[in-house]
N, C-alpha and C. Protein backbone atom coordinates (compact mmCIF):
# COMPACT_ATOMS: atom_id res chain seq x y z
N MET A 1 0.85 -1.00 0.41
CA MET A 1 0.06 -0.01 -0.47
C MET A 1 1.00 1.27 -0.23
N HIS A 2 0.78 2.17 -0.39
CA HIS A 2 1.10 3.67 -0.79
C HIS A 2 1.55 4.04 0.56
N PRO A 3 2.88 4.55 0.92
CA PRO A 3 2.72 5.65 2.10
C PRO A 3 1.87 6.69 2.36
N ASP A 4 1.31 7.17 1.09
CA ASP A 4 0.58 8.49 1.63
C ASP A 4 -0.88 8.02 1.84
N ARG A 5 -1.75 7.12 1.31
CA ARG A 5 -2.63 6.23 1.72
C ARG A 5 -2.77 5.87 2.83
N ILE A 6 -1.63 5.28 3.63
CA ILE A 6 -1.64 4.51 4.65
C ILE A 6 -1.64 5.91 5.92
N ALA A 7 -0.86 7.02 5.29
CA ALA A 7 -1.06 8.11 6.06
C ALA A 7 -2.42 8.40 6.30
N GLU A 8 -3.05 8.82 5.07
CA GLU A 8 -4.47 9.35 4.96
C GLU A 8 -5.64 8.46 6.37
N LEU A 9 -5.46 7.13 6.22
CA LEU A 9 -6.17 6.67 6.58
C LEU A 9 -5.56 6.37 8.61
N LEU A 10 -4.53 6.70 8.44
CA LEU A 10 -4.26 6.59 10.12
C LEU A 10 -4.42 7.75 11.03
N GLN A 11 -4.61 8.74 9.86
CA GLN A 11 -4.73 10.42 10.31
C GLN A 11 -5.79 10.31 11.77
N PRO A 12 -6.95 9.74 11.56
CA PRO A 12 -7.98 10.00 12.65
C PRO A 12 -7.37 9.24 14.30
N PHE A 13 -6.31 8.45 14.08
CA PHE A 13 -5.58 8.06 15.06
C PHE A 13 -4.70 8.76 15.69
N LEU A 14 -4.09 9.73 15.08
CA LEU A 14 -3.06 10.61 15.22
C LEU A 14 -3.77 12.29 15.69
N ASP A 15 -2.88 13.39 16.12
CA ASP A 15 -3.79 14.18 16.38
C ASP A 15 -3.65 15.43 14.83
N PRO A 16 -4.97 15.72 14.87
CA PRO A 16 -5.64 16.09 13.56
C PRO A 16 -4.69 17.61 13.21
N GLU A 17 -4.53 18.32 14.42
CA GLU A 17 -3.64 19.39 14.27
C GLU A 17 -2.16 19.12 14.11
N GLY A 18 -1.75 18.41 14.45
CA GLY A 18 -0.44 18.05 14.62
C GLY A 18 0.64 18.94 15.72
N SER A 19 -0.47 19.03 16.73
CA SER A 19 0.29 20.03 17.72
C SER A 19 0.88 19.35 18.95
N ASP A 20 0.77 18.15 18.99
CA ASP A 20 1.33 17.19 19.95
C ASP A 20 2.65 16.60 19.31
N GLY A 21 2.76 16.77 18.20
CA GLY A 21 3.86 16.14 17.26
C GLY A 21 3.65 14.61 16.84
N ALA A 22 2.06 14.63 17.20
CA ALA A 22 1.49 13.15 16.77
C ALA A 22 1.28 12.89 15.34
N VAL A 23 2.72 12.60 14.40
CA VAL A 23 2.98 12.60 13.25
C VAL A 23 3.91 11.49 12.93
N LEU A 24 3.83 10.91 11.54
CA LEU A 24 4.67 9.68 11.36
C LEU A 24 5.39 10.32 10.10
N LEU A 25 7.10 10.00 10.49
CA LEU A 25 7.68 10.42 9.55
C LEU A 25 7.73 9.38 7.95
N ARG A 26 8.14 9.82 6.77
CA ARG A 26 8.02 8.72 5.97
C ARG A 26 8.41 7.81 5.90
N SER A 27 9.79 7.32 6.93
CA SER A 27 10.29 6.18 7.20
C SER A 27 9.54 5.23 7.46
N GLN A 28 8.85 5.67 8.50
CA GLN A 28 8.02 5.47 9.44
C GLN A 28 6.64 4.32 8.60
N LEU A 29 6.56 5.27 7.71
CA LEU A 29 5.03 5.00 6.90
C LEU A 29 5.74 3.89 6.19
N LEU A 30 6.89 3.99 5.60
CA LEU A 30 7.79 3.22 4.49
C LEU A 30 7.56 1.51 5.21
N SER A 31 7.97 1.71 6.38
CA SER A 31 8.21 0.56 7.72
C SER A 31 6.82 -0.07 7.47
N ILE A 32 5.68 0.48 7.62
CA ILE A 32 4.63 -0.06 8.00
C ILE A 32 4.07 -0.69 6.42
N SER A 33 4.18 -0.02 5.31
CA SER A 33 3.97 -0.27 4.27
C SER A 33 4.18 -1.78 3.67
N THR A 34 5.77 -1.92 4.26
CA THR A 34 6.73 -3.17 4.28
C THR A 34 5.75 -4.11 5.17
N TYR A 35 5.28 -4.00 6.52
CA TYR A 35 5.24 -4.41 7.29
C TYR A 35 3.64 -5.37 6.66
N ILE A 36 2.86 -4.12 6.40
CA ILE A 36 1.67 -4.75 5.51
C ILE A 36 1.69 -5.78 4.54
N ASP A 37 2.67 -5.18 3.42
CA ASP A 37 3.07 -6.60 2.38
C ASP A 37 3.13 -8.00 3.26
N LEU A 38 4.27 -7.76 3.98
CA LEU A 38 4.68 -9.28 4.90
C LEU A 38 3.19 -9.67 5.17
N LEU A 39 2.61 -8.99 6.06
CA LEU A 39 1.45 -9.21 6.23
C LEU A 39 0.62 -10.22 5.56
N LEU A 40 0.02 -9.81 4.77
CA LEU A 40 -0.70 -9.99 3.18
C LEU A 40 -0.57 -11.31 2.74
N ARG A 41 0.67 -11.20 2.87
CA ARG A 41 1.54 -12.44 2.13
C ARG A 41 1.56 -13.74 2.85
N TRP A 42 1.95 -13.82 4.18
CA TRP A 42 1.85 -14.25 5.19
C TRP A 42 0.70 -14.93 5.52
N ASN A 43 -0.26 -14.14 5.19
CA ASN A 43 -1.38 -14.28 6.24
C ASN A 43 -2.69 -15.49 5.17
N SER A 44 -2.05 -15.18 3.83
CA SER A 44 -2.45 -16.43 2.80
C SER A 44 -2.07 -17.61 3.23
N ARG A 45 -1.33 -17.97 4.14
CA ARG A 45 -0.88 -19.35 4.60
C ARG A 45 -1.15 -19.64 5.83
N VAL A 46 -0.39 -18.47 6.63
CA VAL A 46 -0.77 -18.72 8.05
C VAL A 46 -1.90 -17.80 8.54
N ASN A 47 -2.95 -18.25 9.29
CA ASN A 47 -3.99 -17.34 9.52
C ASN A 47 -3.29 -16.27 10.90
N LEU A 48 -2.88 -15.26 10.14
CA LEU A 48 -2.69 -14.07 11.15
C LEU A 48 -3.73 -12.99 11.66
N THR A 49 -3.99 -12.88 11.00
CA THR A 49 -5.54 -12.27 11.33
C THR A 49 -6.82 -12.47 10.82
N SER A 50 -8.08 -12.00 11.02
CA SER A 50 -9.14 -12.41 10.07
C SER A 50 -9.85 -11.39 9.39
N VAL A 51 -8.91 -10.34 9.66
CA VAL A 51 -9.46 -8.88 8.54
C VAL A 51 -8.61 -9.20 7.09
N ARG A 52 -8.57 -9.30 5.99
CA ARG A 52 -8.02 -9.52 5.09
C ARG A 52 -8.10 -8.28 4.08
N GLN A 53 -8.91 -7.06 4.11
CA GLN A 53 -8.62 -5.94 3.59
C GLN A 53 -7.38 -5.04 3.81
N PRO A 54 -6.87 -4.79 3.00
CA PRO A 54 -5.69 -4.10 3.62
C PRO A 54 -5.72 -2.76 3.90
N GLU A 55 -7.46 -1.79 3.76
CA GLU A 55 -7.22 -0.66 4.44
C GLU A 55 -7.84 -0.82 5.41
N GLU A 56 -8.66 -2.43 6.08
CA GLU A 56 -8.99 -2.40 7.50
C GLU A 56 -8.18 -2.82 8.19
N ILE A 57 -7.17 -3.60 7.70
CA ILE A 57 -5.79 -3.87 8.48
C ILE A 57 -5.15 -2.29 8.62
N VAL A 58 -5.01 -1.40 8.23
CA VAL A 58 -4.35 -0.45 8.24
C VAL A 58 -5.00 0.09 9.75
N THR A 59 -6.71 0.16 9.19
CA THR A 59 -7.55 1.33 10.51
C THR A 59 -7.45 0.36 12.20
N ARG A 60 -7.64 -1.16 11.75
CA ARG A 60 -8.05 -1.71 12.77
C ARG A 60 -6.95 -2.30 13.54
N HIS A 61 -5.99 -2.53 12.96
CA HIS A 61 -4.50 -3.05 13.46
C HIS A 61 -3.60 -2.18 13.56
N PHE A 62 -3.54 -1.29 12.77
CA PHE A 62 -1.92 -0.18 12.72
C PHE A 62 -2.55 0.87 13.61
N GLY A 63 -4.03 1.71 12.89
CA GLY A 63 -4.63 2.59 14.02
C GLY A 63 -4.67 2.57 15.43
N GLU A 64 -5.09 1.55 16.00
CA GLU A 64 -5.08 1.32 16.88
C GLU A 64 -4.19 0.93 17.71
N SER A 65 -2.57 0.40 17.13
CA SER A 65 -1.59 0.53 17.59
C SER A 65 -0.85 1.87 17.23
N VAL A 66 -1.26 2.46 16.97
CA VAL A 66 -0.12 4.10 16.64
C VAL A 66 -1.06 4.64 17.62
N PHE A 67 -2.53 4.99 17.93
CA PHE A 67 -3.36 5.46 18.98
C PHE A 67 -2.76 5.06 20.34
N ALA A 68 -2.69 3.83 20.83
CA ALA A 68 -1.39 3.29 21.89
C ALA A 68 -0.71 3.96 22.23
N ALA A 69 0.25 3.70 21.04
CA ALA A 69 1.82 4.49 21.19
C ALA A 69 2.11 6.00 21.45
N ARG A 70 0.93 6.62 20.68
CA ARG A 70 0.79 8.03 20.93
C ARG A 70 0.94 8.69 21.99
N HIS A 71 -0.16 7.64 22.76
CA HIS A 71 -0.67 7.92 24.36
C HIS A 71 0.59 7.76 25.41
N LEU A 72 1.32 6.52 24.89
CA LEU A 72 2.18 6.11 25.67
C LEU A 72 3.39 6.89 25.71
N PHE A 73 3.49 7.20 24.30
CA PHE A 73 5.28 7.86 24.18
C PHE A 73 4.99 8.92 22.87
N PRO A 74 4.30 10.22 23.98
CA PRO A 74 4.02 11.62 23.12
C PRO A 74 5.46 12.16 22.40
N ALA A 75 5.08 12.49 21.13
CA ALA A 75 6.32 13.06 20.50
C ALA A 75 7.51 12.72 20.63
N PRO A 76 7.61 11.31 20.61
CA PRO A 76 9.10 10.38 21.15
C PRO A 76 10.49 11.36 20.66
N ARG A 77 10.14 11.94 19.27
CA ARG A 77 11.07 12.90 18.63
C ARG A 77 11.65 13.91 19.17
N ARG A 78 10.82 14.40 19.91
CA ARG A 78 11.53 15.40 20.87
C ARG A 78 12.05 15.37 21.84
N ILE A 79 12.06 14.04 22.07
CA ILE A 79 12.70 13.45 23.10
C ILE A 79 14.13 13.12 22.68
N PRO A 80 15.27 13.75 23.42
CA PRO A 80 16.55 12.79 22.50
C PRO A 80 16.74 11.15 23.07
N ALA A 81 16.44 10.82 22.14
CA ALA A 81 16.21 9.47 22.54
C ALA A 81 17.75 8.51 23.14
N GLU A 82 18.95 8.57 23.44
CA GLU A 82 19.69 8.17 23.69
C GLU A 82 19.78 8.43 25.25
N LYS A 83 18.76 9.03 25.68
CA LYS A 83 18.89 9.87 26.88
C LYS A 83 17.61 9.07 27.86
N ALA A 84 16.21 9.54 26.84
CA ALA A 84 15.00 9.27 27.52
C ALA A 84 14.48 8.15 27.36
N LEU A 85 14.63 6.80 26.05
CA LEU A 85 13.88 5.75 25.58
C LEU A 85 14.75 4.69 25.76
N THR A 86 16.03 4.67 25.70
CA THR A 86 16.71 3.54 25.45
C THR A 86 16.64 2.39 26.36
N GLU A 87 16.19 3.12 27.66
CA GLU A 87 15.67 2.41 28.75
C GLU A 87 14.58 1.91 29.25
N VAL A 88 13.46 2.31 28.42
CA VAL A 88 12.50 2.15 28.92
C VAL A 88 12.15 0.54 28.36
N GLN A 89 11.87 -0.34 29.29
CA GLN A 89 11.09 -1.95 28.90
C GLN A 89 9.68 -2.00 28.82
N VAL A 90 9.23 -2.32 27.47
CA VAL A 90 8.08 -2.74 26.80
C VAL A 90 7.61 -4.06 26.67
N ILE A 91 6.79 -4.53 27.18
CA ILE A 91 6.60 -6.08 27.32
C ILE A 91 4.72 -6.09 26.56
N ASP A 92 4.89 -6.55 25.33
CA ASP A 92 3.76 -6.79 24.62
C ASP A 92 3.37 -8.21 24.59
N ILE A 93 2.17 -8.53 25.58
CA ILE A 93 1.80 -9.70 25.36
C ILE A 93 0.58 -10.69 24.37
N GLY A 94 1.05 -11.18 24.04
CA GLY A 94 0.01 -12.03 22.84
C GLY A 94 -0.01 -11.23 22.21
N SER A 95 1.13 -11.02 21.31
CA SER A 95 1.51 -10.26 20.20
C SER A 95 0.77 -10.35 18.74
N GLY A 96 0.73 -11.73 18.86
CA GLY A 96 -0.24 -12.58 17.50
C GLY A 96 0.54 -11.64 15.90
N ALA A 97 0.11 -10.95 15.10
CA ALA A 97 0.61 -10.99 14.17
C ALA A 97 1.51 -9.52 14.75
N GLY A 98 1.84 -9.08 15.96
CA GLY A 98 2.66 -8.30 16.29
C GLY A 98 1.93 -6.69 16.60
N PHE A 99 0.61 -6.99 17.09
CA PHE A 99 -0.05 -5.22 17.10
C PHE A 99 -0.54 -5.39 18.78
N PRO A 100 -0.39 -4.44 19.62
CA PRO A 100 0.39 -3.05 19.53
C PRO A 100 2.15 -2.83 19.14
N GLY A 101 2.91 -4.27 19.34
CA GLY A 101 3.81 -3.94 19.94
C GLY A 101 4.78 -3.21 18.60
N LEU A 102 4.67 -4.08 17.57
CA LEU A 102 5.43 -3.61 16.37
C LEU A 102 5.33 -2.36 15.80
N PRO A 103 4.00 -1.88 16.18
CA PRO A 103 4.02 -0.24 15.78
C PRO A 103 4.56 0.42 16.54
N ILE A 104 4.01 -0.03 17.75
CA ILE A 104 4.92 0.67 18.88
C ILE A 104 6.39 1.14 18.96
N LYS A 105 6.96 0.48 18.60
CA LYS A 105 8.22 0.47 18.34
C LYS A 105 8.70 0.83 16.86
N ILE A 106 7.83 1.01 15.96
CA ILE A 106 8.19 1.85 14.74
C ILE A 106 7.74 3.26 15.26
N TRP A 107 6.94 3.45 16.12
CA TRP A 107 6.45 5.05 16.54
C TRP A 107 7.87 5.63 17.20
N ALA A 108 8.62 4.71 18.26
CA ALA A 108 9.24 4.93 18.91
C ALA A 108 10.89 3.85 18.88
N PRO A 109 11.23 3.84 18.12
CA PRO A 109 12.04 3.29 17.73
C PRO A 109 13.55 2.67 19.06
N HIS A 110 13.33 3.64 19.51
CA HIS A 110 14.61 3.48 20.37
C HIS A 110 14.38 3.14 22.04
N ILE A 111 13.14 2.37 22.07
CA ILE A 111 12.39 1.74 23.27
C ILE A 111 13.25 0.38 23.20
N ARG A 112 13.20 -0.54 24.32
CA ARG A 112 13.30 -2.21 24.03
C ARG A 112 12.28 -2.75 24.38
N ILE A 113 12.08 -3.89 23.54
CA ILE A 113 10.61 -4.34 23.53
C ILE A 113 10.72 -5.78 23.29
N THR A 114 9.87 -6.65 24.65
CA THR A 114 9.77 -8.18 24.22
C THR A 114 8.61 -8.12 23.77
N LEU A 115 7.99 -9.20 22.85
CA LEU A 115 6.91 -9.71 22.03
C LEU A 115 6.64 -11.06 22.56
N ILE A 116 5.52 -11.26 23.43
CA ILE A 116 5.51 -12.46 23.80
C ILE A 116 4.09 -13.16 22.91
N GLU A 117 4.74 -13.83 22.15
CA GLU A 117 3.72 -14.60 21.75
C GLU A 117 3.69 -16.42 21.85
N PRO A 118 2.81 -17.05 21.93
CA PRO A 118 2.80 -18.58 22.40
C PRO A 118 2.58 -19.62 20.94
N ASN A 119 2.32 -19.00 19.69
CA ASN A 119 1.80 -19.71 18.50
C ASN A 119 3.17 -19.75 18.09
N HIS A 120 3.87 -20.63 17.65
CA HIS A 120 5.13 -20.67 16.64
C HIS A 120 5.00 -20.06 15.37
N LYS A 121 4.16 -20.30 14.84
CA LYS A 121 4.45 -19.74 13.23
C LYS A 121 3.92 -17.92 13.16
N LYS A 122 3.43 -17.93 14.23
CA LYS A 122 3.19 -16.36 14.60
C LYS A 122 4.59 -15.67 15.08
N VAL A 123 5.16 -16.71 15.68
CA VAL A 123 6.73 -16.00 16.39
C VAL A 123 7.89 -15.90 15.10
N THR A 124 7.56 -16.67 14.33
CA THR A 124 8.30 -16.82 13.17
C THR A 124 7.99 -15.56 11.98
N PHE A 125 6.61 -15.30 12.13
CA PHE A 125 6.27 -13.94 10.99
C PHE A 125 6.76 -13.05 12.15
N LEU A 126 6.51 -12.89 13.12
CA LEU A 126 7.65 -11.64 13.67
C LEU A 126 8.53 -11.42 13.76
N ARG A 127 9.34 -12.57 13.75
CA ARG A 127 10.97 -12.74 13.45
C ARG A 127 11.21 -11.97 12.01
N GLU A 128 10.65 -12.44 11.13
CA GLU A 128 10.60 -11.67 10.12
C GLU A 128 10.52 -10.39 9.82
N VAL A 129 9.30 -9.68 10.59
CA VAL A 129 8.89 -8.73 10.24
C VAL A 129 10.16 -7.99 10.70
N VAL A 130 10.46 -8.41 12.19
CA VAL A 130 11.65 -7.58 12.82
C VAL A 130 13.17 -7.61 11.95
N ARG A 131 13.18 -8.71 10.95
CA ARG A 131 14.32 -8.40 10.33
C ARG A 131 14.43 -7.58 8.99
N ALA A 132 13.40 -7.71 8.54
CA ALA A 132 12.73 -6.79 7.25
C ALA A 132 12.69 -5.46 7.53
N LEU A 133 12.39 -5.03 8.74
CA LEU A 133 12.38 -3.47 9.35
C LEU A 133 13.42 -3.21 9.89
N THR A 134 14.40 -4.04 10.14
CA THR A 134 15.82 -4.06 10.65
C THR A 134 15.67 -3.44 12.17
N LEU A 135 14.78 -3.87 12.79
CA LEU A 135 14.45 -3.02 13.89
C LEU A 135 15.40 -3.63 14.96
N THR A 136 15.92 -2.92 15.86
CA THR A 136 16.84 -3.52 16.92
C THR A 136 16.43 -3.31 18.31
N ASN A 137 16.78 -3.89 19.23
CA ASN A 137 16.24 -3.84 21.06
C ASN A 137 15.21 -4.55 20.96
N ILE A 138 14.66 -5.49 20.00
CA ILE A 138 13.67 -6.32 20.54
C ILE A 138 13.73 -8.01 20.65
N ASP A 139 13.12 -8.32 21.20
CA ASP A 139 13.13 -9.57 21.60
C ASP A 139 11.65 -10.50 21.11
N VAL A 140 11.74 -11.60 20.55
CA VAL A 140 10.47 -12.54 20.37
C VAL A 140 10.74 -13.95 20.89
N LEU A 141 9.81 -13.83 22.16
CA LEU A 141 9.76 -15.27 22.57
C LEU A 141 8.28 -15.95 22.47
N ALA A 142 8.82 -17.17 21.99
CA ALA A 142 7.85 -18.14 21.95
C ALA A 142 7.12 -18.86 23.28
N GLU A 143 6.34 -18.04 24.28
CA GLU A 143 6.03 -18.39 25.66
C GLU A 143 4.44 -17.49 25.81
N ARG A 144 3.80 -18.35 26.87
CA ARG A 144 2.45 -17.54 27.46
C ARG A 144 3.30 -16.84 28.32
N ALA A 145 2.48 -15.56 28.38
CA ALA A 145 3.14 -14.77 29.49
C ALA A 145 2.58 -14.74 30.89
N GLU A 146 2.15 -16.29 31.34
CA GLU A 146 2.06 -16.51 32.52
C GLU A 146 3.30 -17.22 32.85
N ASP A 147 4.13 -17.55 31.49
CA ASP A 147 5.22 -18.63 32.07
C ASP A 147 6.34 -17.37 32.20
N TYR A 148 6.24 -16.26 31.89
CA TYR A 148 7.32 -15.49 31.78
C TYR A 148 8.06 -15.11 32.86
N PRO A 149 9.42 -15.00 33.38
CA PRO A 149 9.74 -14.55 34.55
C PRO A 149 9.72 -13.76 34.94
N THR A 150 9.45 -12.96 36.41
CA THR A 150 9.53 -11.85 36.61
C THR A 150 10.80 -11.21 36.67
N GLY A 151 11.99 -12.37 36.95
CA GLY A 151 13.40 -12.14 37.07
C GLY A 151 14.14 -11.86 35.71
N ALA A 152 13.00 -11.93 34.49
CA ALA A 152 14.01 -11.35 32.96
C ALA A 152 13.55 -9.81 32.77
N GLY A 153 13.42 -9.19 33.87
CA GLY A 153 12.74 -8.01 33.48
C GLY A 153 11.43 -7.27 33.85
N ALA A 154 11.41 -6.56 34.73
CA ALA A 154 9.98 -5.75 34.61
C ALA A 154 9.79 -4.83 34.01
N GLY A 155 8.59 -5.03 33.20
CA GLY A 155 8.31 -3.96 31.97
C GLY A 155 8.26 -2.68 32.80
N ASP A 156 8.53 -1.60 32.24
CA ASP A 156 7.87 -0.08 32.35
C ASP A 156 6.57 -0.18 31.92
N VAL A 157 6.35 -0.33 30.15
CA VAL A 157 5.22 -0.47 30.25
C VAL A 157 4.86 -1.92 29.86
N VAL A 158 3.34 -2.46 29.69
CA VAL A 158 2.93 -3.68 29.39
C VAL A 158 1.99 -3.38 28.62
N THR A 159 1.98 -4.10 27.27
CA THR A 159 0.66 -3.63 26.20
C THR A 159 -0.12 -4.99 26.23
N LEU A 160 -1.51 -5.15 26.20
CA LEU A 160 -2.00 -6.17 25.34
C LEU A 160 -3.28 -5.89 24.67
N ARG A 161 -3.73 -6.34 23.66
CA ARG A 161 -4.57 -6.29 22.71
C ARG A 161 -5.70 -7.79 22.60
N ALA A 162 -6.74 -7.55 22.11
CA ALA A 162 -7.30 -8.97 21.76
C ALA A 162 -7.50 -9.93 22.13
N VAL A 163 -7.71 -9.36 23.91
CA VAL A 163 -7.36 -10.12 24.94
C VAL A 163 -8.13 -11.64 25.02
N GLU A 164 -7.58 -12.66 25.53
CA GLU A 164 -7.86 -13.77 25.34
C GLU A 164 -7.69 -14.57 26.85
N ARG A 165 -8.03 -15.16 27.62
CA ARG A 165 -7.92 -16.20 28.74
C ARG A 165 -7.74 -14.86 29.18
N PHE A 166 -8.85 -13.84 29.35
CA PHE A 166 -8.98 -12.70 30.13
C PHE A 166 -8.75 -13.02 31.69
N ASP A 167 -9.21 -13.48 32.25
CA ASP A 167 -9.27 -13.74 33.82
C ASP A 167 -7.80 -14.05 34.44
N SER A 168 -6.86 -15.03 33.34
CA SER A 168 -5.41 -15.33 33.72
C SER A 168 -4.82 -13.98 33.39
N ILE A 169 -5.07 -13.54 32.05
CA ILE A 169 -4.04 -12.77 31.23
C ILE A 169 -3.70 -11.51 32.40
N ILE A 170 -4.94 -10.52 32.23
CA ILE A 170 -4.91 -9.52 32.91
C ILE A 170 -3.84 -9.56 33.97
N PRO A 171 -4.19 -10.42 35.68
CA PRO A 171 -3.16 -10.47 36.54
C PRO A 171 -1.84 -10.74 35.93
N ALA A 172 -1.73 -11.60 35.00
CA ALA A 172 -0.41 -12.08 34.36
C ALA A 172 0.42 -10.46 34.03
N ALA A 173 -0.59 -10.10 33.07
CA ALA A 173 0.45 -8.66 32.69
C ALA A 173 0.64 -7.56 33.82
N ALA A 174 -0.34 -7.56 35.12
CA ALA A 174 0.03 -6.45 36.11
C ALA A 174 1.40 -7.32 36.62
N ARG A 175 1.54 -8.24 36.39
CA ARG A 175 2.91 -8.75 37.50
C ARG A 175 4.21 -8.74 36.93
N LEU A 176 4.39 -8.13 35.59
CA LEU A 176 5.04 -7.99 35.04
C LEU A 176 5.76 -6.77 35.20
N LEU A 177 4.75 -5.86 35.44
CA LEU A 177 5.07 -4.27 35.67
C LEU A 177 6.32 -4.61 36.97
N GLY A 178 6.91 -3.35 36.69
CA GLY A 178 7.89 -2.87 37.28
C GLY A 178 7.34 -1.77 38.34
N PRO A 179 7.93 -1.05 39.39
CA PRO A 179 6.95 -0.14 40.09
C PRO A 179 7.28 1.17 39.36
N GLY A 180 5.83 1.84 39.29
CA GLY A 180 5.45 2.88 38.39
C GLY A 180 5.20 2.34 36.95
N GLY A 181 5.42 1.19 36.74
CA GLY A 181 4.83 0.87 35.31
C GLY A 181 3.70 0.98 35.11
N ARG A 182 3.44 0.87 33.45
CA ARG A 182 2.15 1.75 33.14
C ARG A 182 1.62 -0.02 32.61
N LEU A 183 0.35 -0.26 32.61
CA LEU A 183 -0.86 -1.56 31.61
C LEU A 183 -1.64 -0.49 30.76
N ALA A 184 -1.32 -0.69 29.59
CA ALA A 184 -2.39 -0.39 28.51
C ALA A 184 -2.96 -1.75 27.92
N ILE A 185 -4.04 -1.93 27.90
CA ILE A 185 -5.29 -2.58 27.38
C ILE A 185 -6.24 -1.92 25.93
N MET A 186 -6.10 -3.10 25.29
CA MET A 186 -7.13 -2.34 24.67
C MET A 186 -8.10 -3.69 24.59
N ILE A 187 -9.63 -2.82 24.89
CA ILE A 187 -10.43 -4.34 25.28
C ILE A 187 -11.82 -3.55 24.48
N GLY A 188 -12.83 -4.45 24.73
CA GLY A 188 -14.39 -4.00 24.57
C GLY A 188 -14.94 -3.14 25.84
N GLN A 189 -15.54 -2.56 25.47
CA GLN A 189 -16.24 -1.47 26.60
C GLN A 189 -17.36 -2.63 27.73
N ALA A 190 -17.54 -3.99 27.51
CA ALA A 190 -18.27 -4.62 28.74
C ALA A 190 -17.19 -5.13 29.46
N GLN A 191 -15.71 -5.27 28.72
CA GLN A 191 -14.49 -5.73 29.60
C GLN A 191 -14.12 -5.02 30.64
N ILE A 192 -13.98 -3.56 30.39
CA ILE A 192 -13.60 -2.59 31.36
C ILE A 192 -13.89 -3.01 32.84
N GLU A 193 -14.99 -2.83 33.19
CA GLU A 193 -15.02 -3.03 34.75
C GLU A 193 -14.50 -4.15 35.45
N ARG A 194 -14.77 -5.28 34.54
CA ARG A 194 -13.89 -6.62 34.97
C ARG A 194 -12.56 -6.44 35.13
N ALA A 195 -11.81 -5.81 34.23
CA ALA A 195 -10.19 -5.59 34.14
C ALA A 195 -10.27 -4.76 35.55
N ILE A 196 -11.07 -4.16 35.93
CA ILE A 196 -10.14 -2.99 36.91
C ILE A 196 -10.82 -3.84 38.09
N HIS A 197 -11.48 -4.75 38.05
CA HIS A 197 -11.98 -5.81 39.27
C HIS A 197 -10.59 -6.42 39.33
N LEU A 198 -9.84 -6.90 38.38
CA LEU A 198 -9.30 -8.60 38.60
C LEU A 198 -7.72 -8.00 38.93
N VAL A 199 -7.48 -6.25 38.96
CA VAL A 199 -6.20 -5.87 39.11
C VAL A 199 -6.80 -4.48 40.08
N PRO A 200 -7.04 -4.76 41.36
CA PRO A 200 -7.73 -3.34 41.91
C PRO A 200 -6.24 -2.73 42.59
N SER A 201 -5.12 -3.16 42.65
CA SER A 201 -3.95 -2.70 43.10
C SER A 201 -3.16 -1.62 41.94
N ILE A 202 -3.87 -1.95 40.64
CA ILE A 202 -3.60 -1.18 39.65
C ILE A 202 -4.41 0.29 39.84
N HIS A 203 -3.85 1.39 39.41
CA HIS A 203 -4.29 3.08 39.70
C HIS A 203 -4.46 3.20 38.09
N TRP A 204 -6.06 2.98 37.66
CA TRP A 204 -6.58 3.11 36.01
C TRP A 204 -7.19 4.75 36.32
N GLY A 205 -7.00 4.87 34.87
CA GLY A 205 -7.17 6.43 34.06
C GLY A 205 -8.80 5.89 33.34
N LYS A 206 -9.18 7.24 33.04
CA LYS A 206 -10.12 7.24 32.14
C LYS A 206 -10.42 6.56 30.84
N PRO A 207 -10.84 5.23 30.52
CA PRO A 207 -11.09 4.81 29.73
C PRO A 207 -11.13 5.78 28.40
N VAL A 208 -10.44 5.14 27.18
CA VAL A 208 -10.62 6.33 26.16
C VAL A 208 -11.08 5.58 24.86
N ARG A 209 -12.13 6.06 24.15
CA ARG A 209 -12.68 5.45 23.49
C ARG A 209 -11.67 5.52 22.21
N LEU A 210 -11.23 4.16 21.44
CA LEU A 210 -10.69 4.10 20.24
C LEU A 210 -11.57 4.69 18.89
N PRO A 211 -10.76 5.70 18.05
CA PRO A 211 -11.12 6.06 17.12
C PRO A 211 -11.93 5.36 16.09
N LEU A 212 -12.66 5.65 15.54
CA LEU A 212 -13.72 4.80 14.39
C LEU A 212 -14.24 3.49 15.10
N SER A 213 -14.65 3.29 16.67
CA SER A 213 -14.71 2.40 16.89
C SER A 213 -15.98 2.98 18.08
N SER A 214 -17.29 2.40 17.87
CA SER A 214 -18.21 2.34 19.08
C SER A 214 -17.99 1.67 20.17
N SER A 215 -17.29 0.44 20.21
CA SER A 215 -17.37 -0.34 21.75
C SER A 215 -16.21 -0.58 22.30
N ARG A 216 -14.95 -0.18 21.34
CA ARG A 216 -13.84 -0.37 21.62
C ARG A 216 -12.84 0.64 22.44
N PHE A 217 -11.90 0.47 23.70
CA PHE A 217 -11.46 1.62 24.35
C PHE A 217 -10.22 0.90 24.89
N MET A 218 -9.53 1.84 24.94
CA MET A 218 -7.96 1.73 25.61
C MET A 218 -8.12 2.60 27.00
N ILE A 219 -7.40 1.77 27.98
CA ILE A 219 -7.74 2.35 28.91
C ILE A 219 -5.98 1.83 29.97
N ILE A 220 -5.79 3.02 30.54
CA ILE A 220 -4.27 2.73 31.04
C ILE A 220 -4.00 2.93 32.76
N GLY A 221 -3.70 1.94 33.28
CA GLY A 221 -3.42 1.71 34.68
C GLY A 221 -1.89 1.76 34.99
N SER A 222 -1.90 2.21 36.31
CA SER A 222 0.00 2.67 36.83
C SER A 222 -0.14 1.94 37.85
N LYS A 223 1.10 1.28 37.93
CA LYS A 223 1.39 0.39 39.22
C LYS A 223 2.00 1.63 40.73
N GLU A 224 1.64 1.56 41.41
CA GLU A 224 2.18 2.39 42.30
C GLU A 224 3.79 2.14 42.42
N SER A 225 4.75 3.59 42.60
CA SER A 225 5.91 3.44 42.62
C SER A 225 6.38 3.12 44.10
N THR A 226 7.63 2.46 44.28
CA THR A 226 8.04 2.04 45.41
C THR A 226 9.06 3.32 46.07
N LYS A 227 9.57 4.16 44.86
CA LYS A 227 10.26 5.99 45.28
C LYS A 227 9.47 6.52 46.67
């Protein structure tokens, strides 16, 4: 897909006025274009996503992921990358075809990110995308979040989307947070109250409706700092 069309489709998920720096560079749009090509090619052989139309893939998958990225890392290019983001550890749980983890990495390329995905075919795809986009400071692990050792490194940010095994995965995600860490989940409106109930130790912000959706929300919670 042409980068200009991708930019047009993603505009509702970014700052319409550009006042907060929420814009994608040409190089980032080209990375997304390459990613889409790989996803469409692989999806004909491996069931990565039930969404088949390229433009819907952009809005449903990349749009929601970029929306999360701009809230978690506002205008990262205004911050000296070597100083501000290299030590930020992001853990993306149940990455599937890479959402929201890989678009977050494209948005803020200097973060460190771990993608956790138990399906080995999807893991192979994720590693191919990482190679094709020449992404660095990224690990792809073939395991379940419940089995991820806390000693492997606490997350400053933990993300998850399209949640399965809801009652077990939400507490598992919270367990991976370091002090002061943030948990960002994208879920249906009917799941919000349950998520808050499952991890009462998290201080939840106000749910934010995802653009172009009537029933999907993002909610970000934070773990109390020990400082």
